[in-house]
N, C-alpha and C. Protein backbone atom coordinates (compact mmCIF):
# COMPACT_ATOMS: atom_id res chain seq x y z
N MET A 1 27.08 -15.28 28.56
CA MET A 1 27.42 -15.11 27.15
C MET A 1 27.23 -13.63 26.76
N SER A 2 28.26 -13.04 26.14
CA SER A 2 28.17 -11.64 25.73
C SER A 2 27.27 -11.51 24.51
N ASN A 3 26.72 -10.32 24.33
CA ASN A 3 25.85 -10.08 23.19
C ASN A 3 26.64 -10.15 21.88
N LEU A 4 26.00 -10.66 20.84
CA LEU A 4 26.63 -10.77 19.52
C LEU A 4 26.36 -9.48 18.75
N PRO A 5 27.40 -8.77 18.30
CA PRO A 5 27.17 -7.54 17.52
C PRO A 5 26.38 -7.83 16.24
N PHE A 6 25.51 -6.92 15.87
CA PHE A 6 24.62 -7.14 14.75
C PHE A 6 25.34 -7.40 13.43
N PRO A 7 26.38 -6.63 13.06
CA PRO A 7 27.08 -6.94 11.79
C PRO A 7 27.66 -8.35 11.77
N GLN A 8 28.20 -8.79 12.90
CA GLN A 8 28.76 -10.14 12.98
C GLN A 8 27.65 -11.20 12.83
N PHE A 9 26.50 -10.93 13.42
CA PHE A 9 25.34 -11.82 13.30
C PHE A 9 24.91 -11.96 11.84
N LEU A 10 24.81 -10.84 11.12
CA LEU A 10 24.41 -10.89 9.71
C LEU A 10 25.42 -11.69 8.89
N LYS A 11 26.70 -11.43 9.12
CA LYS A 11 27.74 -12.11 8.36
C LYS A 11 27.76 -13.60 8.65
N ARG A 12 27.61 -13.97 9.92
CA ARG A 12 27.69 -15.38 10.31
C ARG A 12 26.61 -16.21 9.62
N TYR A 13 25.41 -15.63 9.47
CA TYR A 13 24.29 -16.41 8.93
C TYR A 13 23.88 -16.01 7.52
N GLY A 14 24.71 -15.18 6.86
CA GLY A 14 24.46 -14.85 5.46
C GLY A 14 23.18 -14.07 5.24
N ILE A 15 22.85 -13.18 6.17
CA ILE A 15 21.62 -12.39 6.08
C ILE A 15 21.96 -11.00 5.54
N THR A 16 21.19 -10.54 4.57
CA THR A 16 21.34 -9.20 4.02
C THR A 16 20.30 -8.28 4.65
N LEU A 17 20.75 -7.15 5.17
CA LEU A 17 19.87 -6.21 5.86
C LEU A 17 19.07 -5.40 4.85
N LEU A 18 17.78 -5.23 5.12
CA LEU A 18 16.93 -4.37 4.30
C LEU A 18 17.12 -2.92 4.73
N PHE A 19 17.08 -2.00 3.76
CA PHE A 19 17.25 -0.58 4.08
C PHE A 19 16.11 -0.08 4.95
N ALA A 20 14.89 -0.53 4.66
CA ALA A 20 13.72 -0.15 5.45
C ALA A 20 12.83 -1.37 5.59
N SER A 21 12.09 -1.43 6.67
CA SER A 21 11.18 -2.55 6.88
C SER A 21 10.12 -2.57 5.78
N ASP A 22 9.92 -3.72 5.18
CA ASP A 22 9.01 -3.82 4.03
C ASP A 22 8.27 -5.15 4.10
N PRO A 23 6.97 -5.14 4.43
CA PRO A 23 6.22 -6.40 4.51
C PRO A 23 6.07 -7.10 3.17
N GLY A 24 6.37 -6.38 2.06
CA GLY A 24 6.31 -7.00 0.74
C GLY A 24 7.46 -7.94 0.45
N VAL A 25 8.51 -7.89 1.28
CA VAL A 25 9.65 -8.79 1.08
C VAL A 25 9.33 -10.12 1.75
N VAL A 26 9.02 -11.10 0.92
CA VAL A 26 8.71 -12.47 1.33
C VAL A 26 9.49 -13.40 0.43
N PRO A 27 9.57 -14.70 0.74
CA PRO A 27 10.20 -15.61 -0.21
C PRO A 27 9.57 -15.47 -1.59
N GLY A 28 10.42 -15.36 -2.60
CA GLY A 28 9.96 -15.11 -3.96
C GLY A 28 10.01 -13.65 -4.35
N ALA A 29 10.37 -12.77 -3.42
CA ALA A 29 10.51 -11.35 -3.74
C ALA A 29 11.71 -11.16 -4.67
N ILE A 30 11.56 -10.23 -5.62
CA ILE A 30 12.64 -9.85 -6.53
C ILE A 30 13.29 -8.60 -5.94
N ILE A 31 14.55 -8.73 -5.52
CA ILE A 31 15.22 -7.68 -4.76
C ILE A 31 16.24 -6.97 -5.65
N GLU A 32 16.11 -5.65 -5.74
CA GLU A 32 17.07 -4.82 -6.47
C GLU A 32 18.04 -4.18 -5.48
N LYS A 33 19.29 -4.11 -5.88
CA LYS A 33 20.27 -3.36 -5.10
C LYS A 33 20.39 -1.96 -5.67
N ARG A 34 20.14 -0.97 -4.83
CA ARG A 34 20.29 0.42 -5.22
C ARG A 34 21.35 1.06 -4.32
N ASN A 35 21.62 2.33 -4.56
CA ASN A 35 22.71 2.99 -3.84
C ASN A 35 22.54 2.90 -2.33
N ARG A 36 21.32 3.04 -1.84
CA ARG A 36 21.10 3.11 -0.39
C ARG A 36 20.75 1.76 0.23
N GLY A 37 20.66 0.72 -0.58
CA GLY A 37 20.36 -0.59 0.00
C GLY A 37 19.57 -1.47 -0.93
N TYR A 38 18.77 -2.37 -0.36
CA TYR A 38 18.03 -3.37 -1.11
C TYR A 38 16.53 -3.10 -1.02
N PHE A 39 15.86 -3.21 -2.17
CA PHE A 39 14.44 -2.87 -2.25
C PHE A 39 13.70 -3.92 -3.07
N CYS A 40 12.43 -4.11 -2.76
CA CYS A 40 11.60 -5.09 -3.46
C CYS A 40 11.05 -4.48 -4.75
N ALA A 41 11.31 -5.16 -5.90
CA ALA A 41 10.82 -4.69 -7.20
C ALA A 41 9.57 -5.43 -7.64
N GLY A 42 9.20 -6.49 -6.95
CA GLY A 42 8.06 -7.32 -7.31
C GLY A 42 8.26 -8.72 -6.76
N THR A 43 7.46 -9.66 -7.22
CA THR A 43 7.58 -11.04 -6.74
C THR A 43 7.47 -12.01 -7.91
N LEU A 44 8.00 -13.20 -7.71
CA LEU A 44 7.87 -14.23 -8.73
C LEU A 44 6.42 -14.67 -8.91
N ALA A 45 5.63 -14.53 -7.86
CA ALA A 45 4.20 -14.84 -7.99
C ALA A 45 3.55 -13.95 -9.04
N GLN A 46 3.98 -12.68 -9.12
CA GLN A 46 3.46 -11.77 -10.14
C GLN A 46 3.98 -12.13 -11.53
N VAL A 47 5.18 -12.67 -11.58
CA VAL A 47 5.78 -13.03 -12.87
C VAL A 47 5.13 -14.28 -13.44
N PHE A 48 4.99 -15.32 -12.64
CA PHE A 48 4.53 -16.61 -13.14
C PHE A 48 3.03 -16.83 -13.02
N LYS A 49 2.40 -16.10 -12.09
CA LYS A 49 0.94 -16.16 -11.96
C LYS A 49 0.39 -17.57 -11.72
N ASP A 50 1.15 -18.39 -10.98
CA ASP A 50 0.64 -19.72 -10.61
C ASP A 50 -0.52 -19.57 -9.63
N PRO A 51 -1.50 -20.43 -9.70
CA PRO A 51 -2.60 -20.36 -8.74
C PRO A 51 -2.13 -20.80 -7.35
N PRO A 52 -2.81 -20.34 -6.30
CA PRO A 52 -2.51 -20.83 -4.95
C PRO A 52 -2.69 -22.34 -4.91
N PRO A 53 -1.92 -23.04 -4.07
CA PRO A 53 -0.98 -22.54 -3.05
C PRO A 53 0.48 -22.54 -3.50
N ALA A 54 0.73 -22.30 -4.77
CA ALA A 54 2.08 -22.43 -5.30
C ALA A 54 3.10 -21.58 -4.54
N TRP A 55 2.69 -20.39 -4.10
CA TRP A 55 3.63 -19.47 -3.47
C TRP A 55 3.42 -19.35 -1.96
N ASP A 56 2.76 -20.34 -1.38
CA ASP A 56 2.57 -20.32 0.07
C ASP A 56 3.92 -20.38 0.78
N THR A 57 3.98 -19.76 1.95
CA THR A 57 5.20 -19.79 2.76
C THR A 57 4.87 -20.32 4.15
N VAL A 58 5.92 -20.66 4.88
CA VAL A 58 5.75 -21.15 6.24
C VAL A 58 6.74 -20.42 7.14
N LEU A 59 6.27 -20.03 8.32
CA LEU A 59 7.11 -19.35 9.31
C LEU A 59 7.58 -20.37 10.32
N GLN A 60 8.87 -20.34 10.62
CA GLN A 60 9.42 -21.32 11.54
C GLN A 60 10.58 -20.70 12.33
N PRO A 61 10.93 -21.29 13.47
CA PRO A 61 12.11 -20.80 14.20
C PRO A 61 13.34 -20.87 13.32
N ALA A 62 14.11 -19.80 13.31
CA ALA A 62 15.35 -19.80 12.53
C ALA A 62 16.37 -20.69 13.20
N ASN A 63 17.10 -21.44 12.41
CA ASN A 63 18.10 -22.36 12.95
C ASN A 63 19.40 -21.61 13.19
N LEU A 64 19.33 -20.67 14.15
CA LEU A 64 20.47 -19.82 14.46
C LEU A 64 20.87 -20.04 15.91
N VAL A 65 22.16 -20.19 16.13
CA VAL A 65 22.67 -20.43 17.48
C VAL A 65 23.31 -19.13 17.98
N TYR A 66 22.67 -18.50 18.92
CA TYR A 66 23.19 -17.25 19.46
C TYR A 66 22.50 -16.96 20.79
N GLY A 67 23.02 -15.98 21.52
CA GLY A 67 22.33 -15.52 22.71
C GLY A 67 21.44 -14.35 22.33
N THR A 68 21.89 -13.14 22.68
CA THR A 68 21.17 -11.92 22.30
C THR A 68 22.02 -11.14 21.30
N VAL A 69 21.39 -10.70 20.22
CA VAL A 69 22.07 -9.89 19.21
C VAL A 69 21.84 -8.42 19.53
N GLU A 70 22.90 -7.64 19.50
CA GLU A 70 22.81 -6.22 19.85
C GLU A 70 23.10 -5.34 18.65
N ARG A 71 22.22 -4.37 18.43
CA ARG A 71 22.43 -3.39 17.37
C ARG A 71 22.31 -1.99 17.96
N SER A 72 23.33 -1.16 17.74
CA SER A 72 23.35 0.20 18.28
C SER A 72 23.29 1.20 17.13
N LEU A 73 22.42 2.22 17.28
CA LEU A 73 22.27 3.24 16.24
C LEU A 73 22.28 4.62 16.86
N SER A 74 23.00 5.55 16.25
CA SER A 74 22.93 6.94 16.65
C SER A 74 21.64 7.55 16.11
N LEU A 75 21.02 8.40 16.91
CA LEU A 75 19.80 9.09 16.48
C LEU A 75 20.04 10.58 16.30
N ALA A 76 21.30 10.99 16.22
CA ALA A 76 21.62 12.40 16.05
C ALA A 76 20.96 12.95 14.78
N GLY A 77 20.17 13.99 14.94
CA GLY A 77 19.53 14.61 13.79
C GLY A 77 18.32 13.87 13.27
N LYS A 78 17.88 12.82 13.96
CA LYS A 78 16.73 12.03 13.50
C LYS A 78 15.55 12.22 14.43
N ALA A 79 14.37 12.32 13.84
CA ALA A 79 13.15 12.38 14.63
C ALA A 79 12.34 11.10 14.50
N SER A 80 12.77 10.22 13.57
CA SER A 80 12.03 8.98 13.33
C SER A 80 13.00 7.87 12.96
N ILE A 81 12.55 6.62 13.11
CA ILE A 81 13.34 5.46 12.68
C ILE A 81 12.41 4.41 12.10
N ASP A 82 12.97 3.55 11.27
CA ASP A 82 12.25 2.42 10.70
C ASP A 82 13.22 1.25 10.71
N GLU A 83 13.23 0.52 11.81
CA GLU A 83 14.23 -0.53 12.02
C GLU A 83 13.61 -1.74 12.72
N MET A 84 14.09 -2.92 12.37
CA MET A 84 13.75 -4.17 13.05
C MET A 84 12.24 -4.42 13.12
N GLY A 85 11.53 -3.97 12.09
CA GLY A 85 10.08 -4.14 12.08
C GLY A 85 9.35 -3.14 12.94
N ILE A 86 10.06 -2.12 13.43
CA ILE A 86 9.47 -1.08 14.28
C ILE A 86 9.60 0.26 13.57
N ASN A 87 8.48 0.93 13.36
CA ASN A 87 8.50 2.26 12.77
C ASN A 87 8.05 3.26 13.84
N ILE A 88 8.93 4.23 14.13
CA ILE A 88 8.57 5.32 15.03
C ILE A 88 8.55 6.58 14.17
N ALA A 89 7.36 7.12 13.94
CA ALA A 89 7.17 8.18 12.95
C ALA A 89 7.61 9.55 13.44
N GLY A 90 7.86 9.71 14.72
CA GLY A 90 8.29 11.01 15.24
C GLY A 90 8.51 10.95 16.74
N GLY A 91 8.95 12.07 17.30
CA GLY A 91 9.12 12.16 18.74
C GLY A 91 10.49 11.81 19.26
N LEU A 92 11.46 11.58 18.36
CA LEU A 92 12.79 11.14 18.79
C LEU A 92 13.83 12.26 18.82
N SER A 93 13.40 13.48 18.70
CA SER A 93 14.36 14.59 18.63
C SER A 93 15.21 14.72 19.89
N LYS A 94 14.73 14.22 21.03
CA LYS A 94 15.48 14.31 22.28
C LYS A 94 16.17 13.00 22.65
N ALA A 95 16.18 12.05 21.71
CA ALA A 95 16.88 10.77 21.92
C ALA A 95 18.24 10.81 21.24
N LYS A 96 19.28 10.38 21.95
CA LYS A 96 20.63 10.42 21.41
C LYS A 96 20.96 9.16 20.60
N SER A 97 20.52 8.00 21.10
CA SER A 97 20.85 6.74 20.44
C SER A 97 19.86 5.68 20.90
N VAL A 98 19.90 4.53 20.22
CA VAL A 98 19.05 3.41 20.62
C VAL A 98 19.85 2.12 20.50
N ASN A 99 19.66 1.23 21.44
CA ASN A 99 20.20 -0.12 21.37
C ASN A 99 19.04 -1.09 21.19
N PHE A 100 19.14 -1.94 20.16
CA PHE A 100 18.18 -3.02 19.97
C PHE A 100 18.81 -4.31 20.47
N TYR A 101 18.07 -5.04 21.30
CA TYR A 101 18.53 -6.34 21.79
C TYR A 101 17.56 -7.40 21.26
N ILE A 102 18.03 -8.18 20.29
CA ILE A 102 17.18 -9.14 19.60
C ILE A 102 17.35 -10.50 20.24
N SER A 103 16.29 -11.01 20.83
CA SER A 103 16.36 -12.29 21.53
C SER A 103 15.50 -13.37 20.88
N GLY A 104 14.80 -13.02 19.81
CA GLY A 104 13.99 -14.02 19.09
C GLY A 104 14.00 -13.73 17.61
N VAL A 105 14.34 -14.73 16.79
CA VAL A 105 14.34 -14.58 15.34
C VAL A 105 13.62 -15.76 14.71
N LYS A 106 12.72 -15.45 13.77
CA LYS A 106 12.08 -16.50 12.98
C LYS A 106 12.34 -16.23 11.50
N CYS A 107 12.19 -17.27 10.68
CA CYS A 107 12.37 -17.10 9.26
C CYS A 107 11.16 -17.65 8.51
N ARG A 108 10.93 -17.07 7.34
CA ARG A 108 9.85 -17.52 6.47
C ARG A 108 10.48 -18.09 5.21
N THR A 109 9.98 -19.23 4.75
CA THR A 109 10.52 -19.87 3.55
C THR A 109 9.39 -20.46 2.72
N PHE A 110 9.72 -20.88 1.50
CA PHE A 110 8.73 -21.48 0.63
C PHE A 110 8.18 -22.78 1.21
N LEU A 111 6.92 -23.02 0.97
CA LEU A 111 6.33 -24.31 1.30
C LEU A 111 6.40 -25.26 0.12
N ASN A 112 6.28 -24.73 -1.10
CA ASN A 112 6.18 -25.59 -2.29
C ASN A 112 7.20 -25.28 -3.38
N GLN A 113 8.03 -24.26 -3.20
CA GLN A 113 9.00 -23.88 -4.23
C GLN A 113 10.42 -24.10 -3.73
N SER A 114 11.38 -24.07 -4.65
CA SER A 114 12.79 -24.16 -4.28
C SER A 114 13.62 -23.58 -5.42
N LYS A 115 14.86 -23.29 -5.12
CA LYS A 115 15.79 -22.78 -6.14
C LYS A 115 15.90 -23.76 -7.30
N ILE A 116 15.89 -25.05 -7.02
CA ILE A 116 16.04 -26.08 -8.05
C ILE A 116 14.90 -26.03 -9.06
N THR A 117 13.69 -25.78 -8.58
CA THR A 117 12.55 -25.73 -9.51
C THR A 117 12.40 -24.38 -10.18
N LEU A 118 12.88 -23.32 -9.54
CA LEU A 118 12.67 -21.98 -10.08
C LEU A 118 13.68 -21.60 -11.16
N ILE A 119 14.91 -22.04 -11.04
CA ILE A 119 15.93 -21.63 -12.01
C ILE A 119 15.57 -22.01 -13.44
N PRO A 120 15.12 -23.25 -13.73
CA PRO A 120 14.74 -23.57 -15.12
C PRO A 120 13.61 -22.68 -15.64
N ARG A 121 12.66 -22.34 -14.79
CA ARG A 121 11.55 -21.48 -15.22
C ARG A 121 12.05 -20.06 -15.53
N LEU A 122 12.98 -19.58 -14.73
CA LEU A 122 13.53 -18.26 -14.98
C LEU A 122 14.34 -18.23 -16.27
N GLN A 123 15.05 -19.32 -16.56
CA GLN A 123 15.82 -19.38 -17.81
C GLN A 123 14.90 -19.41 -19.04
N GLU A 124 13.73 -19.97 -18.89
CA GLU A 124 12.75 -19.94 -19.98
C GLU A 124 12.31 -18.52 -20.30
N LEU A 125 12.24 -17.67 -19.29
CA LEU A 125 11.87 -16.28 -19.53
C LEU A 125 12.86 -15.60 -20.47
N ARG A 126 14.13 -15.93 -20.32
CA ARG A 126 15.15 -15.29 -21.17
C ARG A 126 14.90 -15.57 -22.64
N LYS A 127 14.33 -16.74 -22.92
CA LYS A 127 14.05 -17.11 -24.31
C LYS A 127 12.70 -16.57 -24.79
N ASN A 128 11.72 -16.58 -23.90
CA ASN A 128 10.34 -16.39 -24.35
C ASN A 128 9.68 -15.08 -23.93
N ASN A 129 10.25 -14.37 -22.97
CA ASN A 129 9.60 -13.14 -22.51
C ASN A 129 10.69 -12.16 -22.06
N LYS A 130 11.17 -11.37 -23.01
CA LYS A 130 12.29 -10.46 -22.74
C LYS A 130 11.93 -9.41 -21.69
N ALA A 131 10.68 -8.94 -21.69
CA ALA A 131 10.28 -7.90 -20.75
C ALA A 131 10.35 -8.41 -19.31
N LEU A 132 9.83 -9.60 -19.08
CA LEU A 132 9.88 -10.16 -17.73
C LEU A 132 11.30 -10.56 -17.35
N TRP A 133 12.06 -11.05 -18.31
CA TRP A 133 13.45 -11.41 -18.04
C TRP A 133 14.24 -10.18 -17.57
N LYS A 134 13.97 -9.03 -18.18
CA LYS A 134 14.66 -7.82 -17.79
C LYS A 134 14.34 -7.45 -16.34
N LEU A 135 13.13 -7.77 -15.89
CA LEU A 135 12.73 -7.48 -14.52
C LEU A 135 13.53 -8.29 -13.52
N VAL A 136 13.82 -9.55 -13.84
CA VAL A 136 14.47 -10.42 -12.86
C VAL A 136 15.98 -10.54 -13.07
N ASN A 137 16.49 -10.28 -14.28
CA ASN A 137 17.90 -10.51 -14.57
C ASN A 137 18.81 -9.67 -13.69
N ASN A 138 19.82 -10.31 -13.12
CA ASN A 138 20.83 -9.69 -12.26
C ASN A 138 20.28 -9.20 -10.92
N ASN A 139 19.05 -9.56 -10.62
CA ASN A 139 18.49 -9.23 -9.31
C ASN A 139 18.54 -10.46 -8.40
N ILE A 140 18.19 -10.25 -7.14
CA ILE A 140 18.24 -11.32 -6.15
C ILE A 140 16.84 -11.86 -5.91
N ILE A 141 16.72 -13.18 -5.84
CA ILE A 141 15.47 -13.81 -5.44
C ILE A 141 15.59 -14.20 -3.97
N ALA A 142 14.72 -13.63 -3.14
CA ALA A 142 14.74 -13.97 -1.71
C ALA A 142 14.14 -15.36 -1.52
N ASP A 143 14.84 -16.21 -0.77
CA ASP A 143 14.24 -17.51 -0.43
C ASP A 143 14.03 -17.69 1.07
N TYR A 144 14.66 -16.84 1.88
CA TYR A 144 14.38 -16.78 3.32
C TYR A 144 14.22 -15.32 3.72
N THR A 145 13.24 -15.02 4.55
CA THR A 145 13.13 -13.69 5.13
C THR A 145 13.14 -13.84 6.65
N TYR A 146 13.75 -12.87 7.34
CA TYR A 146 14.02 -12.99 8.77
C TYR A 146 13.31 -11.89 9.56
N TYR A 147 12.77 -12.28 10.71
CA TYR A 147 11.93 -11.40 11.52
C TYR A 147 12.45 -11.37 12.96
N ALA A 148 12.55 -10.16 13.51
CA ALA A 148 12.89 -10.01 14.93
C ALA A 148 11.60 -10.13 15.72
N THR A 149 11.31 -11.34 16.15
CA THR A 149 10.02 -11.59 16.81
C THR A 149 10.02 -11.22 18.29
N GLU A 150 11.19 -10.99 18.83
CA GLU A 150 11.30 -10.53 20.23
C GLU A 150 12.48 -9.58 20.28
N VAL A 151 12.21 -8.28 20.42
CA VAL A 151 13.28 -7.29 20.40
C VAL A 151 13.00 -6.21 21.43
N THR A 152 14.05 -5.86 22.18
CA THR A 152 13.98 -4.79 23.16
C THR A 152 14.66 -3.55 22.58
N ALA A 153 13.99 -2.40 22.69
CA ALA A 153 14.58 -1.14 22.26
C ALA A 153 14.80 -0.27 23.49
N GLU A 154 16.05 0.12 23.71
CA GLU A 154 16.41 0.95 24.86
C GLU A 154 17.10 2.21 24.38
N PHE A 155 16.59 3.37 24.76
CA PHE A 155 17.04 4.65 24.24
C PHE A 155 17.87 5.41 25.27
N ASP A 156 18.88 6.11 24.77
CA ASP A 156 19.63 7.07 25.57
C ASP A 156 19.05 8.44 25.24
N VAL A 157 18.56 9.15 26.25
CA VAL A 157 17.84 10.40 26.01
C VAL A 157 18.50 11.56 26.75
N GLU A 158 18.11 12.76 26.36
CA GLU A 158 18.62 13.96 27.00
C GLU A 158 17.96 14.15 28.36
N GLY A 159 18.77 14.41 29.39
CA GLY A 159 18.25 14.73 30.72
C GLY A 159 17.24 13.71 31.22
N GLY A 160 16.15 14.20 31.75
CA GLY A 160 15.12 13.31 32.30
C GLY A 160 13.92 13.19 31.40
N VAL A 161 14.12 13.24 30.09
CA VAL A 161 13.01 13.19 29.13
C VAL A 161 12.24 11.87 29.26
N ASN A 162 10.94 11.95 29.31
CA ASN A 162 10.06 10.77 29.30
C ASN A 162 9.79 10.40 27.85
N LEU A 163 10.58 9.49 27.31
CA LEU A 163 10.45 9.15 25.90
C LEU A 163 9.11 8.47 25.60
N GLN A 164 8.60 7.70 26.53
CA GLN A 164 7.32 7.04 26.31
C GLN A 164 6.24 8.06 25.97
N ALA A 165 6.22 9.17 26.69
CA ALA A 165 5.22 10.20 26.42
C ALA A 165 5.43 10.84 25.05
N GLU A 166 6.68 10.89 24.59
CA GLU A 166 7.00 11.52 23.31
C GLU A 166 6.61 10.64 22.12
N VAL A 167 6.75 9.30 22.25
CA VAL A 167 6.65 8.45 21.06
C VAL A 167 5.53 7.40 21.11
N LYS A 168 4.86 7.24 22.23
CA LYS A 168 3.92 6.12 22.34
C LYS A 168 2.83 6.15 21.27
N ASP A 169 2.45 7.34 20.81
CA ASP A 169 1.43 7.44 19.76
C ASP A 169 2.03 7.45 18.36
N GLN A 170 3.36 7.34 18.28
CA GLN A 170 4.05 7.39 16.99
C GLN A 170 4.57 6.03 16.55
N ILE A 171 4.41 5.00 17.39
CA ILE A 171 4.95 3.68 17.07
C ILE A 171 4.00 2.95 16.14
N ARG A 172 4.55 2.41 15.05
CA ARG A 172 3.78 1.63 14.08
C ARG A 172 4.42 0.24 13.97
N ILE A 173 3.64 -0.78 14.28
CA ILE A 173 4.11 -2.16 14.15
C ILE A 173 3.02 -2.97 13.48
N ASP A 174 3.35 -4.21 13.10
CA ASP A 174 2.35 -5.11 12.53
C ASP A 174 1.23 -5.34 13.54
N GLY A 175 0.01 -5.48 13.02
CA GLY A 175 -1.16 -5.61 13.89
C GLY A 175 -1.12 -6.76 14.87
N LYS A 176 -0.36 -7.82 14.56
CA LYS A 176 -0.28 -8.98 15.46
C LYS A 176 0.78 -8.80 16.55
N ALA A 177 1.66 -7.82 16.37
CA ALA A 177 2.73 -7.60 17.34
C ALA A 177 2.21 -6.75 18.50
N SER A 178 2.97 -6.74 19.59
CA SER A 178 2.59 -5.97 20.76
C SER A 178 3.78 -5.19 21.29
N VAL A 179 3.50 -4.07 21.97
CA VAL A 179 4.52 -3.24 22.60
C VAL A 179 4.30 -3.23 24.10
N ASP A 180 5.34 -3.53 24.86
CA ASP A 180 5.26 -3.55 26.32
C ASP A 180 6.35 -2.63 26.87
N TRP A 181 5.95 -1.49 27.41
CA TRP A 181 6.92 -0.55 27.96
C TRP A 181 7.45 -1.06 29.30
N LYS A 182 8.77 -1.09 29.45
CA LYS A 182 9.42 -1.51 30.69
C LYS A 182 9.87 -0.32 31.53
N SER A 183 10.07 0.81 30.88
CA SER A 183 10.40 2.06 31.57
C SER A 183 10.03 3.18 30.62
N ASP A 184 10.34 4.43 30.98
CA ASP A 184 9.96 5.54 30.10
C ASP A 184 10.89 5.69 28.90
N ARG A 185 11.90 4.81 28.79
CA ARG A 185 12.78 4.85 27.62
C ARG A 185 13.13 3.45 27.09
N LYS A 186 12.35 2.47 27.49
CA LYS A 186 12.65 1.10 27.09
C LYS A 186 11.35 0.32 26.88
N PHE A 187 11.25 -0.37 25.73
CA PHE A 187 10.08 -1.19 25.47
C PHE A 187 10.47 -2.47 24.75
N VAL A 188 9.58 -3.46 24.81
CA VAL A 188 9.79 -4.75 24.16
C VAL A 188 8.68 -4.95 23.13
N VAL A 189 9.08 -5.32 21.92
CA VAL A 189 8.12 -5.68 20.87
C VAL A 189 8.14 -7.19 20.71
N SER A 190 6.97 -7.81 20.78
CA SER A 190 6.84 -9.26 20.65
C SER A 190 5.85 -9.59 19.54
N GLY A 191 6.07 -10.75 18.92
CA GLY A 191 5.08 -11.28 17.98
C GLY A 191 5.12 -10.72 16.58
N ASN A 192 6.21 -10.04 16.20
CA ASN A 192 6.30 -9.55 14.82
C ASN A 192 6.70 -10.69 13.89
N ASP A 193 5.79 -11.08 13.00
CA ASP A 193 6.13 -12.10 12.01
C ASP A 193 5.73 -11.66 10.61
N ALA A 194 5.62 -10.33 10.41
CA ALA A 194 5.17 -9.82 9.11
C ALA A 194 6.14 -8.84 8.47
N ILE A 195 6.98 -8.19 9.27
CA ILE A 195 7.87 -7.16 8.73
C ILE A 195 9.31 -7.61 8.95
N PRO A 196 9.99 -8.05 7.89
CA PRO A 196 11.34 -8.60 8.04
C PRO A 196 12.40 -7.51 8.19
N PHE A 197 13.51 -7.86 8.84
CA PHE A 197 14.65 -6.96 8.89
C PHE A 197 15.70 -7.34 7.86
N GLY A 198 15.62 -8.56 7.31
CA GLY A 198 16.62 -9.01 6.36
C GLY A 198 16.17 -10.24 5.59
N PHE A 199 17.03 -10.68 4.67
CA PHE A 199 16.69 -11.81 3.82
C PHE A 199 17.97 -12.52 3.38
N SER A 200 17.82 -13.72 2.85
CA SER A 200 18.91 -14.38 2.13
C SER A 200 18.34 -14.87 0.81
N GLY A 201 19.20 -15.03 -0.18
CA GLY A 201 18.69 -15.44 -1.49
C GLY A 201 19.81 -15.69 -2.47
N TRP A 202 19.49 -15.66 -3.75
CA TRP A 202 20.45 -15.97 -4.81
C TRP A 202 20.20 -15.06 -6.01
N ILE A 203 21.28 -14.82 -6.77
CA ILE A 203 21.22 -13.90 -7.90
C ILE A 203 20.83 -14.64 -9.17
N VAL A 204 19.90 -14.07 -9.92
CA VAL A 204 19.49 -14.65 -11.19
C VAL A 204 20.61 -14.46 -12.20
C-alpha cells in the first residue's frame, strides 16, 4: 500500500491542521481562525466553570483506515520546526527538507459532553452574557483532537552532515513521549498523546 499524502488524509477525515503544536487544544477548546491558521482562544471549561469531571476527556485509537501518512516539508531558510507534536528549536540550517511518516494516530474526545448538550448552553450566553458570547460567537468548538502517536522524521541534509549531533539537544516533545534515533538523520517519536497536530469541530 502506497503512503497517503497528508493533505488527502486531512480532507478524507475532516481534520483541520493546527498552525503550531499547542497542548492547550483539547475537546472544548475555542478555536479562532486567523490569517496564518487556527489558534486556541480559551476553553468552554473556562466559560462555564462546571466542576470536574464535567470536562474530562478520553484518549482512544482514531477510527481511521489508512497505512502510513506522509507529509513532506521544505526546510529552506529554516533553523527550527514545530510540527506533528515535535518541536526542534534549532540546528536545522543544514537540512534541506523533512519527511514525516505517520503510522499511529489517536484522538481525544469528551467523556461527558456533546454538541447536543453544549449548543443550548451556548445559546443562553447570547441572551444572558454578551461578553462571553462575543468570545465564542463565530468561532469553532473542538470536539476531537488528533495526535501523531507514532511518527518517523527523516531529513534530507547537505553532504555528510550528522543531523543527530546538530539537533539532539534541541528536540522538545511531551514528557511521556520518546525519541529513538535510527540513523544520524532519522528518528522515531512514540507515545505522544498531549500535543495535537489537528482537530475537528463545529462553528458556533
